[in-house]
């Protein structure tokens, strides 16, 4: 698989959005030996953390949007932070 067409990109994005952040990150980093992280948990959109990966072998750019949330432990009432994947964009690298 060298380049992804539009249907493959859409399928790949829907597969990634159902993963946890670290699972998606390591899947992307293992896919392409020449791949790299363009930026890591950057805030360019209000309310979202963005991480962008470039995978030149597949000719795609993957942007992961995370939204910050919190959860409360019912026994101790301790509040912990929790990020969830909100959206994944897979777009052609050379567009």
N, C-alpha and C. Protein backbone atom coordinates (compact mmCIF):
# COMPACT_ATOMS: atom_id res chain seq x y z
N UNK A 1 0.85 -1.17 0.00
CA UNK A 1 0.00 0.00 0.00
C UNK A 1 0.89 1.23 0.00
N UNK A 2 0.85 2.00 -1.07
CA UNK A 2 1.72 3.16 -1.14
C UNK A 2 0.95 4.46 -0.90
N UNK A 3 -0.16 4.65 -1.59
CA UNK A 3 -0.94 5.87 -1.42
C UNK A 3 -2.38 5.50 -1.10
N UNK A 4 -3.02 6.33 -0.32
CA UNK A 4 -4.41 6.06 0.07
C UNK A 4 -5.34 6.91 -0.78
N UNK A 5 -6.41 6.31 -1.27
CA UNK A 5 -7.43 7.09 -1.96
C UNK A 5 -8.43 7.62 -0.93
N UNK A 6 -9.42 8.34 -1.39
CA UNK A 6 -10.37 9.00 -0.47
C UNK A 6 -11.13 7.99 0.39
N UNK A 7 -11.54 6.88 -0.19
CA UNK A 7 -12.28 5.87 0.56
C UNK A 7 -11.41 5.23 1.64
N UNK A 8 -10.16 4.94 1.32
CA UNK A 8 -9.25 4.35 2.30
C UNK A 8 -8.95 5.33 3.43
N UNK A 9 -8.80 6.62 3.09
CA UNK A 9 -8.55 7.63 4.12
C UNK A 9 -9.73 7.74 5.07
N UNK A 10 -10.95 7.72 4.54
CA UNK A 10 -12.15 7.80 5.37
C UNK A 10 -12.26 6.59 6.29
N UNK A 11 -11.99 5.42 5.77
CA UNK A 11 -12.04 4.18 6.56
C UNK A 11 -10.99 4.21 7.66
N UNK A 12 -9.79 4.68 7.33
CA UNK A 12 -8.69 4.75 8.29
C UNK A 12 -9.02 5.74 9.41
N UNK A 13 -9.62 6.88 9.06
CA UNK A 13 -10.00 7.88 10.07
C UNK A 13 -11.05 7.33 11.02
N UNK A 14 -12.04 6.61 10.49
CA UNK A 14 -13.08 6.05 11.36
C UNK A 14 -12.51 4.94 12.26
N UNK A 15 -11.47 4.26 11.80
CA UNK A 15 -10.82 3.24 12.62
C UNK A 15 -10.03 3.90 13.77
N UNK A 16 -9.34 4.99 13.47
CA UNK A 16 -8.52 5.66 14.48
C UNK A 16 -9.35 6.37 15.54
N UNK A 17 -10.48 6.94 15.18
CA UNK A 17 -11.26 7.73 16.12
C UNK A 17 -11.83 6.86 17.25
N UNK A 18 -11.93 5.57 17.05
CA UNK A 18 -12.45 4.67 18.08
C UNK A 18 -11.36 4.17 19.02
N UNK A 19 -10.12 4.56 18.80
CA UNK A 19 -9.00 4.13 19.65
C UNK A 19 -8.74 5.16 20.74
N UNK A 20 -7.97 4.74 21.74
CA UNK A 20 -7.45 5.69 22.71
C UNK A 20 -6.28 6.42 22.06
N UNK A 21 -5.90 7.56 22.62
CA UNK A 21 -4.87 8.39 22.00
C UNK A 21 -3.55 7.64 21.81
N UNK A 22 -3.06 6.97 22.85
CA UNK A 22 -1.77 6.28 22.75
C UNK A 22 -1.82 5.14 21.75
N UNK A 23 -2.93 4.45 21.66
CA UNK A 23 -3.06 3.38 20.67
C UNK A 23 -2.97 3.95 19.26
N UNK A 24 -3.67 5.04 19.02
CA UNK A 24 -3.64 5.67 17.70
C UNK A 24 -2.25 6.21 17.38
N UNK A 25 -1.62 6.83 18.36
CA UNK A 25 -0.28 7.40 18.15
C UNK A 25 0.72 6.32 17.76
N UNK A 26 0.74 5.22 18.49
CA UNK A 26 1.72 4.17 18.19
C UNK A 26 1.39 3.44 16.90
N UNK A 27 0.13 3.32 16.57
CA UNK A 27 -0.23 2.72 15.28
C UNK A 27 0.31 3.57 14.14
N UNK A 28 0.16 4.88 14.25
CA UNK A 28 0.65 5.78 13.21
C UNK A 28 2.17 5.78 13.12
N UNK A 29 2.84 5.77 14.26
CA UNK A 29 4.30 5.80 14.25
C UNK A 29 4.89 4.48 13.72
N UNK A 30 4.21 3.38 13.95
CA UNK A 30 4.71 2.08 13.46
C UNK A 30 4.40 1.86 11.99
N UNK A 31 3.40 2.54 11.45
CA UNK A 31 3.00 2.33 10.07
C UNK A 31 4.07 2.73 9.07
N UNK A 32 4.75 3.81 9.34
CA UNK A 32 5.67 4.39 8.36
C UNK A 32 7.00 4.71 9.03
N UNK A 33 8.07 4.11 8.54
CA UNK A 33 9.39 4.35 9.12
C UNK A 33 9.85 5.78 8.88
N UNK A 34 9.35 6.42 7.84
CA UNK A 34 9.71 7.81 7.55
C UNK A 34 8.73 8.81 8.16
N UNK A 35 7.70 8.30 8.82
CA UNK A 35 6.69 9.16 9.40
C UNK A 35 7.23 9.94 10.59
N UNK A 36 6.57 11.08 10.87
CA UNK A 36 7.01 11.90 12.00
C UNK A 36 5.82 12.66 12.57
N UNK A 37 6.01 13.13 13.78
CA UNK A 37 5.01 13.98 14.42
C UNK A 37 5.33 15.42 14.03
N UNK A 38 4.39 16.09 13.40
CA UNK A 38 4.57 17.48 12.97
C UNK A 38 4.44 18.41 14.17
N UNK A 39 3.37 18.26 14.94
CA UNK A 39 3.25 18.95 16.23
C UNK A 39 2.45 18.09 17.18
N UNK A 40 2.70 18.29 18.48
CA UNK A 40 2.18 17.42 19.52
C UNK A 40 1.30 18.22 20.49
N UNK A 41 0.05 17.84 20.56
CA UNK A 41 -0.92 18.43 21.48
C UNK A 41 -0.86 19.95 21.51
N UNK A 42 -0.99 20.51 20.35
CA UNK A 42 -0.99 21.95 20.15
C UNK A 42 -2.42 22.46 20.26
N UNK A 43 -2.60 23.73 20.63
CA UNK A 43 -3.95 24.28 20.75
C UNK A 43 -4.15 25.35 19.69
N UNK A 44 -4.55 24.94 18.52
CA UNK A 44 -4.83 25.87 17.43
C UNK A 44 -6.32 26.07 17.24
N UNK A 45 -7.11 25.27 17.89
CA UNK A 45 -8.57 25.36 17.82
C UNK A 45 -9.08 25.36 19.26
N UNK A 46 -9.97 26.28 19.58
CA UNK A 46 -10.43 26.45 20.96
C UNK A 46 -11.11 25.17 21.45
N UNK A 47 -10.67 24.69 22.62
CA UNK A 47 -11.27 23.53 23.24
C UNK A 47 -10.70 22.19 22.80
N UNK A 48 -9.73 22.20 21.88
CA UNK A 48 -9.18 20.96 21.36
C UNK A 48 -7.66 20.95 21.45
N UNK A 49 -7.11 19.77 21.68
CA UNK A 49 -5.67 19.57 21.55
C UNK A 49 -5.46 18.85 20.22
N UNK A 50 -4.50 19.33 19.44
CA UNK A 50 -4.27 18.77 18.12
C UNK A 50 -2.88 18.17 18.02
N UNK A 51 -2.80 16.98 17.45
CA UNK A 51 -1.53 16.34 17.15
C UNK A 51 -1.57 15.97 15.68
N UNK A 52 -0.51 16.33 14.95
CA UNK A 52 -0.47 16.04 13.52
C UNK A 52 0.70 15.13 13.20
N UNK A 53 0.41 14.11 12.41
CA UNK A 53 1.41 13.15 11.93
C UNK A 53 1.51 13.27 10.42
N UNK A 54 2.71 13.15 9.89
CA UNK A 54 2.90 13.09 8.44
C UNK A 54 3.47 11.72 8.10
N UNK A 55 2.81 11.03 7.20
CA UNK A 55 3.23 9.70 6.76
C UNK A 55 3.54 9.77 5.26
N UNK A 56 4.79 10.09 4.89
CA UNK A 56 5.11 10.28 3.47
C UNK A 56 5.00 9.02 2.62
N UNK A 57 5.20 7.85 3.19
CA UNK A 57 5.08 6.61 2.41
C UNK A 57 3.64 6.42 1.93
N UNK A 58 2.68 6.77 2.76
CA UNK A 58 1.26 6.65 2.41
C UNK A 58 0.72 7.95 1.82
N UNK A 59 1.53 9.00 1.80
CA UNK A 59 1.16 10.30 1.25
C UNK A 59 -0.07 10.89 1.95
N UNK A 60 -0.10 10.79 3.30
CA UNK A 60 -1.21 11.34 4.06
C UNK A 60 -0.71 12.14 5.26
N UNK A 61 -1.58 13.02 5.70
CA UNK A 61 -1.37 13.82 6.91
C UNK A 61 -2.54 13.49 7.82
N UNK A 62 -2.25 13.06 9.04
CA UNK A 62 -3.29 12.66 9.99
C UNK A 62 -3.30 13.67 11.14
N UNK A 63 -4.45 14.28 11.38
CA UNK A 63 -4.61 15.23 12.48
C UNK A 63 -5.60 14.64 13.47
N UNK A 64 -5.15 14.53 14.72
CA UNK A 64 -5.98 13.98 15.79
C UNK A 64 -6.43 15.14 16.68
N UNK A 65 -7.73 15.28 16.87
CA UNK A 65 -8.31 16.29 17.75
C UNK A 65 -8.77 15.60 19.03
N UNK A 66 -8.27 16.09 20.16
CA UNK A 66 -8.70 15.57 21.46
C UNK A 66 -9.47 16.65 22.19
N UNK A 67 -10.46 16.24 22.94
CA UNK A 67 -11.21 17.17 23.77
C UNK A 67 -10.95 16.79 25.23
N UNK A 68 -10.78 17.81 26.06
CA UNK A 68 -10.47 17.57 27.47
C UNK A 68 -11.76 17.42 28.25
N UNK A 69 -11.75 16.44 29.11
CA UNK A 69 -12.89 16.22 29.99
C UNK A 69 -12.40 15.82 31.37
N UNK A 70 -13.30 15.50 32.22
CA UNK A 70 -12.92 15.04 33.56
C UNK A 70 -13.90 13.97 34.00
N UNK A 71 -13.44 13.15 34.92
CA UNK A 71 -14.33 12.15 35.50
C UNK A 71 -14.11 12.13 37.00
N UNK A 72 -15.15 11.75 37.73
CA UNK A 72 -15.11 11.72 39.18
C UNK A 72 -15.25 10.29 39.67
N UNK A 73 -14.35 9.89 40.55
CA UNK A 73 -14.41 8.57 41.15
C UNK A 73 -15.54 8.58 42.19
N UNK A 74 -16.53 7.67 42.06
CA UNK A 74 -17.68 7.71 42.98
C UNK A 74 -17.32 7.40 44.43
N UNK A 75 -16.26 6.63 44.66
CA UNK A 75 -15.90 6.27 46.03
C UNK A 75 -15.14 7.38 46.75
N UNK A 76 -14.17 7.98 46.06
CA UNK A 76 -13.32 8.97 46.71
C UNK A 76 -13.66 10.41 46.34
N UNK A 77 -14.53 10.59 45.38
CA UNK A 77 -14.90 11.91 44.84
C UNK A 77 -13.70 12.65 44.25
N UNK A 78 -12.68 11.91 43.88
CA UNK A 78 -11.49 12.51 43.27
C UNK A 78 -11.76 12.77 41.79
N UNK A 79 -11.43 13.96 41.34
CA UNK A 79 -11.63 14.36 39.95
C UNK A 79 -10.32 14.19 39.20
N UNK A 80 -10.37 13.48 38.09
CA UNK A 80 -9.18 13.29 37.26
C UNK A 80 -9.47 13.77 35.85
N UNK A 81 -8.44 14.27 35.19
CA UNK A 81 -8.56 14.71 33.81
C UNK A 81 -8.57 13.54 32.85
N UNK A 82 -9.28 13.71 31.76
CA UNK A 82 -9.37 12.64 30.78
C UNK A 82 -9.56 13.25 29.40
N UNK A 83 -8.66 12.92 28.48
CA UNK A 83 -8.79 13.39 27.10
C UNK A 83 -9.40 12.28 26.26
N UNK A 84 -10.28 12.66 25.34
CA UNK A 84 -10.91 11.69 24.44
C UNK A 84 -10.74 12.18 23.02
N UNK A 85 -10.59 11.24 22.10
CA UNK A 85 -10.49 11.60 20.69
C UNK A 85 -11.86 12.08 20.21
N UNK A 86 -11.88 13.27 19.65
CA UNK A 86 -13.12 13.83 19.18
C UNK A 86 -13.26 13.67 17.66
N UNK A 87 -12.12 13.81 16.96
CA UNK A 87 -12.16 13.80 15.51
C UNK A 87 -10.78 13.42 14.99
N UNK A 88 -10.75 12.73 13.87
CA UNK A 88 -9.50 12.40 13.20
C UNK A 88 -9.67 12.78 11.72
N UNK A 89 -8.75 13.58 11.22
CA UNK A 89 -8.75 13.96 9.81
C UNK A 89 -7.58 13.29 9.12
N UNK A 90 -7.85 12.61 8.03
CA UNK A 90 -6.79 12.02 7.21
C UNK A 90 -6.91 12.67 5.84
N UNK A 91 -5.91 13.44 5.47
CA UNK A 91 -5.95 14.19 4.21
C UNK A 91 -4.68 13.94 3.42
N UNK A 92 -4.74 14.15 2.11
CA UNK A 92 -3.54 13.93 1.29
C UNK A 92 -2.43 14.91 1.67
N UNK A 93 -1.21 14.43 1.62
CA UNK A 93 -0.06 15.25 2.00
C UNK A 93 0.22 16.33 0.97
N UNK A 94 0.12 16.00 -0.28
CA UNK A 94 0.40 16.96 -1.36
C UNK A 94 -0.89 17.38 -2.03
N UNK A 95 -1.57 18.32 -1.39
CA UNK A 95 -2.82 18.78 -1.99
C UNK A 95 -2.80 20.26 -2.26
